[in-house]
Amino acid sequence: MKEDKGERSIVTETISRVMIPFIQLFSLYVIIHGAVGPGGGFQGGVVFGASIILYITAFNLTDGRRRFPESASIVLSSSGLYLYAGIGLLSILFSAGVAQYLNYGFIPLSGQFEQNRALGMELVEIGIGLTVMAIVASIFFDLAHKAEPKNKKEETD
């Protein structure tokens, strides 16, 4: 990972600027189509988190922390978790005494049971993807922060 010493790789930065939007678009595709095909929220979240790590690696840690602060990580991870758990609780509430957690068909989102089930699965996959993406980026920031020298004395040792 590049430190803040002024060295820059124009090739790495340019390739990263070109590739990161496509990587993120692919991760959204994996998240959305994960309910009916290979992939899903976890895989798409990891790919999205990897695009954030690529940005940090290509540029620097302080710029990455400025673009993706810890408060954003906390908000995204908790909102993804709340979305997942909320869909499950709505399934219990609308299941009419059957108490089936994450049986999305009972949630009155649209007119038909099958459409409700498909939309519920998509919302759960989005919640999982948000949570995993934020946690992967947060773990990388924590590990990178511990690897940085604490002061100038450690840098010279």
C-alpha atoms as a PDB file:
ATOM      1  CA  MET A   1       0.000   0.000   0.000  1.00  0.00           C
ATOM      2  CA  LYS A   2       1.285   3.391  -0.929  1.00  0.00           C
ATOM      3  CA  GLU A   3       2.121   5.792   1.866  1.00  0.00           C
ATOM      4  CA  ASP A   4       1.760   9.568   1.830  1.00  0.00           C
ATOM      5  CA  LYS A   5       5.343  10.298   0.747  1.00  0.00           C
ATOM      6  CA  GLY A   6       4.549  11.821  -2.618  1.00  0.00           C
ATOM      7  CA  GLU A   7       5.354   8.850  -4.862  1.00  0.00           C
ATOM      8  CA  ARG A   8       2.653   8.256  -7.443  1.00  0.00           C
ATOM      9  CA  SER A   9       2.092   5.687 -10.106  1.00  0.00           C
ATOM     10  CA  ILE A  10       0.123   7.281 -12.907  1.00  0.00           C
ATOM     11  CA  VAL A  11      -0.471   3.906 -14.569  1.00  0.00           C
ATOM     12  CA  THR A  12      -1.902   2.356 -11.400  1.00  0.00           C
ATOM     13  CA  GLU A  13      -4.097   5.368 -10.683  1.00  0.00           C
ATOM     14  CA  THR A  14      -5.424   5.534 -14.251  1.00  0.00           C
ATOM     15  CA  ILE A  15      -6.169   1.813 -14.482  1.00  0.00           C
ATOM     16  CA  SER A  16      -7.872   1.958 -11.076  1.00  0.00           C
ATOM     17  CA  ARG A  17     -10.018   4.912 -12.112  1.00  0.00           C
ATOM     18  CA  VAL A  18     -11.138   2.966 -15.166  1.00  0.00           C
ATOM     19  CA  MET A  19     -11.651  -0.408 -13.469  1.00  0.00           C
ATOM     20  CA  ILE A  20     -13.306   0.522 -10.153  1.00  0.00           C
ATOM     21  CA  PRO A  21     -16.693   1.557 -11.641  1.00  0.00           C
ATOM     22  CA  PHE A  22     -16.859  -1.683 -13.645  1.00  0.00           C
ATOM     23  CA  ILE A  23     -15.933  -3.763 -10.593  1.00  0.00           C
ATOM     24  CA  GLN A  24     -18.646  -2.038  -8.573  1.00  0.00           C
ATOM     25  CA  LEU A  25     -21.190  -2.498 -11.339  1.00  0.00           C
ATOM     26  CA  PHE A  26     -20.320  -6.194 -11.513  1.00  0.00           C
ATOM     27  CA  SER A  27     -20.711  -6.501  -7.742  1.00  0.00           C
ATOM     28  CA  LEU A  28     -24.189  -4.960  -7.952  1.00  0.00           C
ATOM     29  CA  TYR A  29     -25.032  -7.465 -10.683  1.00  0.00           C
ATOM     30  CA  VAL A  30     -23.853 -10.331  -8.458  1.00  0.00           C
ATOM     31  CA  ILE A  31     -25.928  -9.023  -5.542  1.00  0.00           C
ATOM     32  CA  ILE A  32     -29.135  -8.515  -7.534  1.00  0.00           C
ATOM     33  CA  HIS A  33     -28.964 -11.753  -9.520  1.00  0.00           C
ATOM     34  CA  GLY A  34     -27.723 -13.804  -6.590  1.00  0.00           C
ATOM     35  CA  ALA A  35     -31.207 -14.896  -5.570  1.00  0.00           C
ATOM     36  CA  VAL A  36     -31.775 -16.729  -8.857  1.00  0.00           C
ATOM     37  CA  GLY A  37     -28.237 -17.626  -9.935  1.00  0.00           C
ATOM     38  CA  PRO A  38     -24.716 -18.007  -8.662  1.00  0.00           C
ATOM     39  CA  GLY A  39     -23.515 -15.295  -6.321  1.00  0.00           C
ATOM     40  CA  GLY A  40     -25.499 -13.280  -3.879  1.00  0.00           C
ATOM     41  CA  GLY A  41     -25.124 -10.675  -1.220  1.00  0.00           C
ATOM     42  CA  PHE A  42     -21.995 -12.072   0.369  1.00  0.00           C
ATOM     43  CA  GLN A  43     -20.058 -12.517  -2.867  1.00  0.00           C
ATOM     44  CA  GLY A  44     -21.178  -9.172  -4.276  1.00  0.00           C
ATOM     45  CA  GLY A  45     -20.369  -7.425  -1.005  1.00  0.00           C
ATOM     46  CA  VAL A  46     -16.860  -8.865  -0.997  1.00  0.00           C
ATOM     47  CA  VAL A  47     -16.299  -7.733  -4.598  1.00  0.00           C
ATOM     48  CA  PHE A  48     -17.570  -4.227  -3.767  1.00  0.00           C
ATOM     49  CA  GLY A  49     -15.332  -4.129  -0.696  1.00  0.00           C
ATOM     50  CA  ALA A  50     -12.411  -5.230  -2.878  1.00  0.00           C
ATOM     51  CA  SER A  51     -13.054  -2.252  -5.161  1.00  0.00           C
ATOM     52  CA  ILE A  52     -12.720   0.040  -2.152  1.00  0.00           C
ATOM     53  CA  ILE A  53      -9.475  -1.712  -1.217  1.00  0.00           C
ATOM     54  CA  LEU A  54      -8.242  -1.235  -4.790  1.00  0.00           C
ATOM     55  CA  TYR A  55      -8.955   2.485  -4.510  1.00  0.00           C
ATOM     56  CA  ILE A  56      -7.013   2.703  -1.254  1.00  0.00           C
ATOM     57  CA  THR A  57      -4.120   0.722  -2.693  1.00  0.00           C
ATOM     58  CA  ALA A  58      -3.952   2.825  -5.857  1.00  0.00           C
ATOM     59  CA  PHE A  59      -4.180   6.170  -4.124  1.00  0.00           C
ATOM     60  CA  ASN A  60      -3.464   6.310  -0.376  1.00  0.00           C
ATOM     61  CA  LEU A  61      -4.933   5.463   2.985  1.00  0.00           C
ATOM     62  CA  THR A  62      -5.825   9.009   4.004  1.00  0.00           C
ATOM     63  CA  ASP A  63      -7.651   9.687   0.733  1.00  0.00           C
ATOM     64  CA  GLY A  64      -9.476   6.365   1.107  1.00  0.00           C
ATOM     65  CA  ARG A  65     -10.475   7.219   4.670  1.00  0.00           C
ATOM     66  CA  ARG A  66     -11.695  10.613   3.473  1.00  0.00           C
ATOM     67  CA  ARG A  67     -13.848   9.004   0.755  1.00  0.00           C
ATOM     68  CA  PHE A  68     -15.100   6.165   2.951  1.00  0.00           C
ATOM     69  CA  PRO A  69     -15.050   7.357   6.577  1.00  0.00           C
ATOM     70  CA  GLU A  70     -15.653   5.097   9.527  1.00  0.00           C
ATOM     71  CA  SER A  71     -19.065   6.674  10.116  1.00  0.00           C
ATOM     72  CA  ALA A  72     -20.145   5.598   6.612  1.00  0.00           C
ATOM     73  CA  SER A  73     -18.953   2.082   7.319  1.00  0.00           C
ATOM     74  CA  ILE A  74     -20.958   1.957  10.532  1.00  0.00           C
ATOM     75  CA  VAL A  75     -24.096   3.349   8.869  1.00  0.00           C
ATOM     76  CA  LEU A  76     -23.881   0.957   5.886  1.00  0.00           C
ATOM     77  CA  SER A  77     -23.161  -2.150   7.934  1.00  0.00           C
ATOM     78  CA  SER A  78     -25.926  -1.459  10.428  1.00  0.00           C
ATOM     79  CA  SER A  79     -28.474  -0.466   7.774  1.00  0.00           C
ATOM     80  CA  GLY A  80     -27.756  -3.667   5.842  1.00  0.00           C
ATOM     81  CA  LEU A  81     -28.242  -5.679   9.006  1.00  0.00           C
ATOM     82  CA  TYR A  82     -31.456  -3.823   9.819  1.00  0.00           C
ATOM     83  CA  LEU A  83     -32.754  -4.415   6.298  1.00  0.00           C
ATOM     84  CA  TYR A  84     -32.065  -8.154   6.579  1.00  0.00           C
ATOM     85  CA  ALA A  85     -33.571  -8.460  10.047  1.00  0.00           C
ATOM     86  CA  GLY A  86     -36.489  -6.161   9.204  1.00  0.00           C
ATOM     87  CA  ILE A  87     -37.529  -8.300   6.240  1.00  0.00           C
ATOM     88  CA  GLY A  88     -37.391 -11.339   8.494  1.00  0.00           C
ATOM     89  CA  LEU A  89     -39.495  -9.686  11.174  1.00  0.00           C
ATOM     90  CA  LEU A  90     -42.023  -8.485   8.613  1.00  0.00           C
ATOM     91  CA  SER A  91     -42.290 -12.073   7.420  1.00  0.00           C
ATOM     92  CA  ILE A  92     -43.137 -13.168  10.948  1.00  0.00           C
ATOM     93  CA  LEU A  93     -45.666 -10.362  11.440  1.00  0.00           C
ATOM     94  CA  PHE A  94     -47.544 -10.983   8.189  1.00  0.00           C
ATOM     95  CA  SER A  95     -47.415 -14.786   8.229  1.00  0.00           C
ATOM     96  CA  ALA A  96     -50.737 -14.941  10.116  1.00  0.00           C
ATOM     97  CA  GLY A  97     -49.687 -17.014  13.088  1.00  0.00           C
ATOM     98  CA  VAL A  98     -47.381 -19.372  11.190  1.00  0.00           C
ATOM     99  CA  ALA A  99     -44.248 -17.433  12.362  1.00  0.00           C
ATOM    100  CA  GLN A 100     -41.993 -18.178   9.419  1.00  0.00           C
ATOM    101  CA  TYR A 101     -38.834 -16.089   9.545  1.00  0.00           C
ATOM    102  CA  LEU A 102     -37.704 -14.947   6.080  1.00  0.00           C
ATOM    103  CA  ASN A 103     -40.633 -16.479   4.224  1.00  0.00           C
ATOM    104  CA  TYR A 104     -40.920 -13.426   2.012  1.00  0.00           C
ATOM    105  CA  GLY A 105     -44.142 -14.419   0.300  1.00  0.00           C
ATOM    106  CA  PHE A 106     -46.262 -13.266   3.218  1.00  0.00           C
ATOM    107  CA  ILE A 107     -45.037  -9.661   3.086  1.00  0.00           C
ATOM    108  CA  PRO A 108     -47.593  -7.528   1.191  1.00  0.00           C
ATOM    109  CA  LEU A 109     -45.114  -5.798  -1.126  1.00  0.00           C
ATOM    110  CA  SER A 110     -46.999  -6.454  -4.338  1.00  0.00           C
ATOM    111  CA  GLY A 111     -50.096  -8.345  -5.419  1.00  0.00           C
ATOM    112  CA  GLN A 112     -48.843 -11.918  -5.798  1.00  0.00           C
ATOM    113  CA  PHE A 113     -47.117 -14.349  -3.469  1.00  0.00           C
ATOM    114  CA  GLU A 114     -44.336 -15.146  -5.975  1.00  0.00           C
ATOM    115  CA  GLN A 115     -43.581 -11.470  -6.609  1.00  0.00           C
ATOM    116  CA  ASN A 116     -43.466 -10.817  -2.863  1.00  0.00           C
ATOM    117  CA  ARG A 117     -41.034 -13.697  -2.444  1.00  0.00           C
ATOM    118  CA  ALA A 118     -38.762 -12.442  -5.263  1.00  0.00           C
ATOM    119  CA  LEU A 119     -38.753  -8.869  -3.980  1.00  0.00           C
ATOM    120  CA  GLY A 120     -38.099 -10.030  -0.409  1.00  0.00           C
ATOM    121  CA  MET A 121     -35.133 -12.114  -1.576  1.00  0.00           C
ATOM    122  CA  GLU A 122     -33.690  -9.146  -3.450  1.00  0.00           C
ATOM    123  CA  LEU A 123     -34.023  -6.882  -0.409  1.00  0.00           C
ATOM    124  CA  VAL A 124     -32.321  -9.464   1.807  1.00  0.00           C
ATOM    125  CA  GLU A 125     -29.474  -9.867  -0.707  1.00  0.00           C
ATOM    126  CA  ILE A 126     -29.014  -6.077  -0.813  1.00  0.00           C
ATOM    127  CA  GLY A 127     -28.885  -5.966   2.988  1.00  0.00           C
ATOM    128  CA  ILE A 128     -26.280  -8.725   3.104  1.00  0.00           C
ATOM    129  CA  GLY A 129     -24.239  -7.024   0.371  1.00  0.00           C
ATOM    130  CA  LEU A 130     -24.227  -3.677   2.199  1.00  0.00           C
ATOM    131  CA  THR A 131     -23.142  -5.270   5.450  1.00  0.00           C
ATOM    132  CA  VAL A 132     -20.383  -7.399   3.934  1.00  0.00           C
ATOM    133  CA  MET A 133     -19.015  -4.527   1.842  1.00  0.00           C
ATOM    134  CA  ALA A 134     -18.795  -2.213   4.853  1.00  0.00           C
ATOM    135  CA  ILE A 135     -17.226  -4.873   7.079  1.00  0.00           C
ATOM    136  CA  VAL A 136     -14.607  -5.870   4.472  1.00  0.00           C
ATOM    137  CA  ALA A 137     -13.582  -2.229   4.036  1.00  0.00           C
ATOM    138  CA  SER A 138     -13.583  -1.682   7.793  1.00  0.00           C
ATOM    139  CA  ILE A 139     -11.361  -4.718   8.393  1.00  0.00           C
ATOM    140  CA  PHE A 140      -8.916  -3.465   5.757  1.00  0.00           C
ATOM    141  CA  PHE A 141      -8.813   0.017   7.310  1.00  0.00           C
ATOM    142  CA  ASP A 142      -8.219  -1.461  10.770  1.00  0.00           C
ATOM    143  CA  LEU A 143      -5.382  -3.660   9.532  1.00  0.00           C
ATOM    144  CA  ALA A 144      -3.831  -0.848   7.482  1.00  0.00           C
ATOM    145  CA  HIS A 145      -4.061   1.547  10.416  1.00  0.00           C
ATOM    146  CA  LYS A 146      -2.208  -0.899  12.673  1.00  0.00           C
ATOM    147  CA  ALA A 147       0.503  -1.312  10.033  1.00  0.00           C
ATOM    148  CA  GLU A 148       1.206   2.439   9.865  1.00  0.00           C
ATOM    149  CA  PRO A 149       4.052   3.717  12.025  1.00  0.00           C
ATOM    150  CA  LYS A 150       2.799   5.492  15.123  1.00  0.00           C
ATOM    151  CA  ASN A 151       5.439   8.229  15.071  1.00  0.00           C
ATOM    152  CA  LYS A 152       8.624   9.223  13.300  1.00  0.00           C
ATOM    153  CA  LYS A 153      10.792   7.230  15.722  1.00  0.00           C
ATOM    154  CA  GLU A 154       9.238   3.927  14.627  1.00  0.00           C
ATOM    155  CA  GLU A 155       9.676   4.947  10.984  1.00  0.00           C
ATOM    156  CA  THR A 156      13.447   5.180  11.361  1.00  0.00           C
ATOM    157  CA  ASP A 157      13.817   1.951  13.391  1.00  0.00           C
END
